Amino acid sequence: MTERVAVIGVGHLGQHHARIYTELPDAQLVGVADSDIDRARFIGEHLGVPAYGSLEELIRRKSPDAISVVVPTSQHYDIAKTALEAGIHVLVEKPVTVRPEEAGELLDIADRKNLVLQVGHIERFNSAIRYISGIPCRPVYLDARRTAPFTPRINDVGVVLDLMIHDIDIVMSLVPSRIARIAATGACVFTDHEDIADAHITFEDGTVAHILTSRCAQKKCRQLEVVERERQITVNYELQTVQISRCVNSPEGQVEIRETPVFPKSEPLKLELADFVRCVREHRPPLAGGREGKKALEVAVEILRQIHDGGARGESFPAAV
């Protein structure tokens, strides 16, 4: 049995959602929709599916079981709510919504209707993150850096909701403790939104995470360092590689040993969409569901508040995520 799926929003990222659905054996792409009907028709003709100018028309004509919501962040809430209220399982790109209360409402609808609500935290499906998530890991310090040259393609949000939220989600998935304090700074450089953001997150168990995100850099960098008491793990998101370093005693003194684990690599988006389809079929919660998306958003909103409203550095995190 295949799940009937559709995509709303077939721009830069949404076109890949649509393409991948045609490659999954358990999914049948039944249509695409976009407010730019010419764009929708172009993608639809290329993939051999009908195109529509609105989600409502797509639902009325094709009755999909599940849908990818790949529209601008400001539209996530309205589009996802419409789909959920129609009884359709939803994968909404990150961030889940603009405001946590909107995410909470989507969660309530999904729970009430027994629907899957998955959030597109794609780094959960990066092969390197999947590898370190499967080994015992007790971090005391994490350093995440996600930088890139400026591009005008993303202009409705700043780097916190566009980029940093990836690292917020990964850090929270690796640290089994609630957040105690957040301290954040940032700056607007090329846009009216923050183009650089720097955050320190302290957890109740003493773990500290530093996250630096910038779209003003000369070079692209996507890296995570996980420091434990006896080893250090370095993840390269782009290359999907992991390096593990540790020091051991020898007759000549301390010697650094480096390991580079070998594991299968795959397209993270394809793994994410395949998992979404399986969740729909098996009626099980996704790896990064609405609750995880809401928690990451709550942290991101506090970071934004401190950057733009001049919140005090190092203040406690009221949501105690």
Protein backbone atom coordinates (compact mmCIF):
# COMPACT_ATOMS: atom_id res chain seq x y z
CA MET A 1 0.00 0.00 0.00
CA THR A 2 1.33 3.45 -0.91
CA GLU A 3 0.54 6.73 0.82
CA ARG A 4 -0.91 9.51 -1.33
CA VAL A 5 1.32 12.53 -0.73
CA ALA A 6 1.44 16.12 -1.98
CA VAL A 7 3.64 19.19 -1.61
CA ILE A 8 2.52 22.76 -0.98
CA GLY A 9 5.28 25.20 -1.90
CA VAL A 10 7.59 24.03 -4.69
CA GLY A 11 10.34 26.63 -4.56
CA HIS A 12 14.02 25.94 -3.93
CA LEU A 13 13.43 23.27 -1.25
CA GLY A 14 9.89 22.18 -2.04
CA GLN A 15 10.85 20.99 -5.51
CA HIS A 16 13.16 18.44 -3.87
CA HIS A 17 10.36 17.24 -1.57
CA ALA A 18 8.28 16.61 -4.67
CA ARG A 19 11.12 14.90 -6.54
CA ILE A 20 11.96 12.58 -3.66
CA TYR A 21 8.35 11.53 -3.16
CA THR A 22 8.37 10.22 -6.74
CA GLU A 23 11.43 8.10 -5.82
CA LEU A 24 10.00 6.51 -2.66
CA PRO A 25 8.40 3.09 -3.27
CA ASP A 26 5.85 3.60 -0.46
CA ALA A 27 4.66 7.02 -1.64
CA GLN A 28 2.62 8.28 -4.58
CA LEU A 29 2.94 11.97 -5.39
CA VAL A 30 -0.58 13.02 -6.39
CA GLY A 31 -0.08 16.75 -6.87
CA VAL A 32 1.78 19.95 -6.06
CA ALA A 33 0.53 23.42 -5.18
CA ASP A 34 2.05 26.89 -5.05
CA SER A 35 0.70 30.42 -4.97
CA ASP A 36 2.86 30.91 -8.07
CA ILE A 37 0.77 28.74 -10.37
CA ASP A 38 3.32 28.94 -13.20
CA ARG A 39 5.97 27.52 -10.88
CA ALA A 40 3.58 24.79 -9.72
CA ARG A 41 2.79 23.86 -13.33
CA PHE A 42 6.48 23.77 -14.25
CA ILE A 43 7.27 21.33 -11.41
CA GLY A 44 4.08 19.36 -11.98
CA GLU A 45 4.79 18.88 -15.68
CA HIS A 46 8.35 17.82 -14.94
CA LEU A 47 7.18 15.18 -12.44
CA GLY A 48 4.01 14.17 -14.25
CA VAL A 49 1.50 15.29 -11.61
CA PRO A 50 -1.26 17.93 -11.59
CA ALA A 51 -0.54 21.41 -10.26
CA TYR A 52 -2.79 23.76 -8.30
CA GLY A 53 -2.72 27.35 -7.10
CA SER A 54 -3.81 26.66 -3.53
CA LEU A 55 -3.81 23.97 -0.87
CA GLU A 56 -7.59 24.03 -0.71
CA GLU A 57 -7.90 23.19 -4.41
CA LEU A 58 -5.29 20.44 -4.11
CA ILE A 59 -7.17 18.88 -1.18
CA ARG A 60 -10.51 19.13 -2.97
CA ARG A 61 -9.19 17.56 -6.19
CA LYS A 62 -6.72 14.94 -4.91
CA SER A 63 -7.51 14.15 -1.23
CA PRO A 64 -3.90 13.37 -0.18
CA ASP A 65 -3.15 11.29 2.91
CA ALA A 66 -0.10 13.37 3.79
CA ILE A 67 1.48 16.63 2.74
CA SER A 68 4.79 18.48 2.93
CA VAL A 69 4.40 22.14 3.85
CA VAL A 70 7.35 24.00 2.29
CA VAL A 71 6.13 27.59 2.25
CA PRO A 72 7.63 30.71 3.90
CA THR A 73 7.80 30.45 7.70
CA SER A 74 5.11 33.10 8.18
CA GLN A 75 2.63 30.79 6.40
CA HIS A 76 3.46 27.56 8.23
CA TYR A 77 0.72 27.90 10.84
CA ASP A 78 -2.17 28.67 8.49
CA ILE A 79 -1.22 26.05 5.88
CA ALA A 80 -0.44 23.28 8.39
CA LYS A 81 -3.65 24.02 10.32
CA THR A 82 -5.74 23.80 7.15
CA ALA A 83 -4.20 20.44 6.27
CA LEU A 84 -4.55 18.99 9.78
CA GLU A 85 -8.16 20.15 10.09
CA ALA A 86 -8.82 18.33 6.80
CA GLY A 87 -7.48 15.11 8.35
CA ILE A 88 -4.16 15.14 6.50
CA HIS A 89 -0.82 14.13 8.06
CA VAL A 90 1.68 16.99 7.91
CA LEU A 91 5.42 17.43 7.57
CA VAL A 92 6.09 21.14 8.03
CA GLU A 93 9.53 22.56 7.35
CA LYS A 94 11.42 24.09 10.26
CA PRO A 95 10.75 26.21 12.19
CA VAL A 96 7.38 24.65 12.92
CA THR A 97 5.72 28.10 13.25
CA VAL A 98 6.68 31.66 14.10
CA ARG A 99 5.26 31.55 17.65
CA PRO A 100 5.27 28.67 20.19
CA GLU A 101 1.56 29.11 20.92
CA GLU A 102 0.82 28.43 17.25
CA ALA A 103 2.91 25.25 17.44
CA GLY A 104 0.94 24.23 20.53
CA GLU A 105 -2.33 24.65 18.66
CA LEU A 106 -1.09 22.50 15.77
CA LEU A 107 -0.03 19.85 18.28
CA ASP A 108 -3.49 19.88 19.86
CA ILE A 109 -5.17 19.41 16.47
CA ALA A 110 -2.80 16.58 15.49
CA ASP A 111 -3.34 14.83 18.83
CA ARG A 112 -7.10 15.24 18.65
CA LYS A 113 -7.26 13.82 15.14
CA ASN A 114 -4.53 11.19 15.68
CA LEU A 115 -2.39 12.63 12.89
CA VAL A 116 1.36 12.74 12.36
CA LEU A 117 2.88 16.21 12.73
CA GLN A 118 6.54 16.08 11.76
CA VAL A 119 8.91 19.05 11.66
CA GLY A 120 11.66 19.27 9.05
CA HIS A 121 14.66 19.21 11.37
CA ILE A 122 16.67 17.58 8.61
CA GLU A 123 19.95 17.33 10.52
CA ARG A 124 18.36 14.58 12.64
CA PHE A 125 18.69 12.49 9.46
CA ASN A 126 22.26 13.45 8.66
CA SER A 127 24.21 10.19 8.64
CA ALA A 128 26.86 11.62 10.98
CA ILE A 129 24.25 12.68 13.55
CA ARG A 130 22.49 9.35 13.23
CA TYR A 131 25.82 7.66 14.00
CA ILE A 132 26.65 9.65 17.14
CA SER A 133 23.04 9.41 18.33
CA GLY A 134 23.47 5.64 18.33
CA ILE A 135 26.54 5.56 20.59
CA PRO A 136 26.77 6.39 24.33
CA CYS A 137 27.42 10.12 24.52
CA ARG A 138 27.81 12.25 27.68
CA PRO A 139 28.76 15.77 26.61
CA VAL A 140 30.02 18.40 29.02
CA TYR A 141 30.47 21.04 26.31
CA LEU A 142 29.18 21.39 22.76
CA ASP A 143 30.30 23.88 20.13
CA ALA A 144 28.16 24.27 16.99
CA ARG A 145 29.15 26.52 14.11
CA ARG A 146 26.96 27.11 11.07
CA THR A 147 28.21 29.89 8.82
CA ALA A 148 27.79 30.79 5.16
CA PRO A 149 28.12 33.72 2.74
CA PHE A 150 25.08 35.97 2.43
CA THR A 151 22.31 35.03 0.02
CA PRO A 152 19.10 37.06 -0.46
CA ARG A 153 17.04 33.89 -0.99
CA ILE A 154 15.90 33.75 2.66
CA ASN A 155 14.54 37.17 3.58
CA ASP A 156 11.52 36.58 5.80
CA VAL A 157 13.48 35.42 8.87
CA GLY A 158 16.93 35.88 10.36
CA VAL A 159 19.60 33.29 11.02
CA VAL A 160 18.09 32.09 14.30
CA LEU A 161 14.95 30.64 12.72
CA ASP A 162 16.60 29.86 9.39
CA LEU A 163 19.87 28.22 10.50
CA MET A 164 20.52 28.20 14.25
CA ILE A 165 17.34 26.26 14.97
CA HIS A 166 19.00 23.20 13.38
CA ASP A 167 21.73 23.28 16.00
CA ILE A 168 19.35 24.09 18.84
CA ASP A 169 17.41 20.94 18.00
CA ILE A 170 20.51 18.74 17.73
CA VAL A 171 22.02 20.06 20.97
CA MET A 172 18.75 19.46 22.85
CA SER A 173 18.55 15.93 21.43
CA LEU A 174 22.06 15.14 22.72
CA VAL A 175 21.76 16.64 26.21
CA PRO A 176 19.37 14.78 28.55
CA SER A 177 18.72 17.77 30.78
CA ARG A 178 16.46 20.80 30.98
CA ILE A 179 17.75 24.25 30.11
CA ALA A 180 18.69 26.52 33.01
CA ARG A 181 19.97 29.69 31.31
CA ILE A 182 20.38 31.25 27.89
CA ALA A 183 22.66 34.14 26.95
CA ALA A 184 22.57 35.49 23.41
CA THR A 185 23.82 38.35 21.27
CA GLY A 186 23.60 39.12 17.58
CA ALA A 187 23.65 41.76 14.89
CA CYS A 188 21.81 42.86 11.75
CA VAL A 189 24.30 43.38 8.94
CA PHE A 190 22.73 42.94 5.50
CA THR A 191 19.03 42.73 6.43
CA ASP A 192 16.55 43.97 9.02
CA HIS A 193 16.76 40.54 10.66
CA GLU A 194 19.71 39.22 12.66
CA ASP A 195 22.42 38.02 10.26
CA ILE A 196 24.77 36.88 13.05
CA ALA A 197 23.70 35.17 16.27
CA ASP A 198 25.77 33.82 19.14
CA ALA A 199 24.16 31.86 21.97
CA HIS A 200 25.34 30.10 25.13
CA ILE A 201 22.94 27.57 26.61
CA THR A 202 23.55 26.20 30.11
CA PHE A 203 21.67 23.07 31.15
CA GLU A 204 20.63 22.10 34.66
CA ASP A 205 23.17 19.24 34.71
CA GLY A 206 26.01 21.71 34.04
CA THR A 207 26.44 21.00 30.33
CA VAL A 208 27.18 24.11 28.27
CA ALA A 209 26.48 24.57 24.56
CA HIS A 210 27.85 27.37 22.39
CA ILE A 211 26.10 27.97 19.06
CA LEU A 212 27.42 30.46 16.51
CA THR A 213 25.46 31.15 13.34
CA SER A 214 26.24 33.65 10.61
CA ARG A 215 25.26 34.37 7.03
CA CYS A 216 28.01 36.97 6.70
CA ALA A 217 30.95 34.59 6.51
CA GLN A 218 33.32 34.16 3.59
CA LYS A 219 33.21 30.37 3.77
CA LYS A 220 30.56 27.81 4.49
CA CYS A 221 31.03 25.81 7.69
CA ARG A 222 28.68 23.34 9.34
CA GLN A 223 30.37 21.63 12.25
CA LEU A 224 29.58 20.29 15.70
CA GLU A 225 32.11 19.45 18.41
CA VAL A 226 30.98 17.34 21.35
CA VAL A 227 33.44 17.41 24.24
CA GLU A 228 33.25 14.60 26.78
CA ARG A 229 35.54 13.98 29.74
CA GLU A 230 37.60 11.37 27.93
CA ARG A 231 37.06 12.10 24.22
CA GLN A 232 36.03 14.68 21.67
CA ILE A 233 33.65 14.01 18.77
CA THR A 234 33.72 16.24 15.69
CA VAL A 235 30.87 16.14 13.17
CA ASN A 236 31.10 17.65 9.70
CA TYR A 237 27.51 18.06 8.53
CA GLU A 238 28.39 18.70 4.89
CA LEU A 239 30.68 15.72 4.46
CA GLN A 240 28.63 13.56 6.87
CA THR A 241 31.80 12.51 8.69
CA VAL A 242 32.66 11.84 12.33
CA GLN A 243 36.08 12.00 13.94
CA ILE A 244 36.64 10.76 17.49
CA SER A 245 39.76 11.86 19.38
CA ARG A 246 41.01 10.69 22.76
CA CYS A 247 44.24 10.75 24.74
CA VAL A 248 45.68 7.55 26.22
CA ASN A 249 48.68 6.96 28.41
CA SER A 250 51.70 5.17 26.95
CA PRO A 251 55.31 4.58 28.07
CA GLU A 252 56.24 7.68 26.05
CA GLY A 253 53.52 9.77 27.70
CA GLN A 254 50.06 10.75 26.49
CA VAL A 255 49.24 9.86 22.90
CA GLU A 256 46.27 11.17 20.90
CA ILE A 257 44.30 8.50 19.08
CA ARG A 258 41.93 9.48 16.28
CA GLU A 259 39.20 7.29 14.87
CA THR A 260 37.16 7.94 11.74
CA PRO A 261 34.14 5.62 11.86
CA VAL A 262 32.79 4.28 8.59
CA PHE A 263 29.01 4.18 8.16
CA PRO A 264 26.52 4.36 5.27
CA LYS A 265 25.69 7.83 3.97
CA SER A 266 22.48 8.93 2.32
CA GLU A 267 20.59 12.05 1.29
CA PRO A 268 19.20 13.41 4.59
CA LEU A 269 16.02 14.79 2.99
CA LYS A 270 15.27 11.42 1.42
CA LEU A 271 15.69 9.70 4.79
CA GLU A 272 13.47 12.32 6.41
CA LEU A 273 10.63 11.94 3.90
CA ALA A 274 10.88 8.15 3.94
CA ASP A 275 10.58 8.26 7.74
CA PHE A 276 7.55 10.56 7.45
CA VAL A 277 5.80 8.13 5.12
CA ARG A 278 6.58 5.23 7.49
CA CYS A 279 5.26 7.19 10.46
CA VAL A 280 2.01 7.80 8.58
CA ARG A 281 1.66 4.12 7.67
CA GLU A 282 2.67 2.73 11.05
CA HIS A 283 0.90 5.40 13.14
CA ARG A 284 4.05 6.08 15.18
CA PRO A 285 5.58 9.36 16.39
CA PRO A 286 8.32 10.88 14.21
CA LEU A 287 11.93 11.38 15.25
CA ALA A 288 11.43 15.15 15.21
CA GLY A 289 7.76 15.75 15.82
CA GLY A 290 5.69 18.73 16.79
CA ARG A 291 6.77 18.61 20.43
CA GLU A 292 10.45 18.63 19.52
CA GLY A 293 9.80 21.42 17.02
CA LYS A 294 7.97 23.48 19.64
CA LYS A 295 10.78 23.06 22.20
CA ALA A 296 13.41 24.17 19.69
CA LEU A 297 11.22 27.13 18.73
CA GLU A 298 10.81 28.20 22.37
CA VAL A 299 14.59 28.36 22.73
CA ALA A 300 14.94 30.21 19.42
CA VAL A 301 12.31 32.77 20.47
CA GLU A 302 14.16 33.48 23.72
CA ILE A 303 17.42 33.92 21.79
CA LEU A 304 15.65 36.32 19.42
CA ARG A 305 14.21 38.26 22.35
CA GLN A 306 17.64 38.75 23.86
CA ILE A 307 19.17 39.79 20.52
CA HIS A 308 16.48 42.26 19.48
CA ASP A 309 15.05 43.45 22.81
CA GLY A 310 18.31 43.69 24.71
CA GLY A 311 17.56 40.95 27.23
CA ALA A 312 20.08 40.49 30.01
CA ARG A 313 22.88 38.07 29.31
CA GLY A 314 22.80 34.83 31.19
CA GLU A 315 19.25 35.08 32.42
CA SER A 316 17.25 32.00 33.39
CA PHE A 317 15.07 30.31 30.81
CA PRO A 318 11.47 30.57 32.00
CA ALA A 319 10.10 27.72 29.87
CA ALA A 320 12.57 25.28 31.50
CA VAL A 321 12.63 23.19 28.34
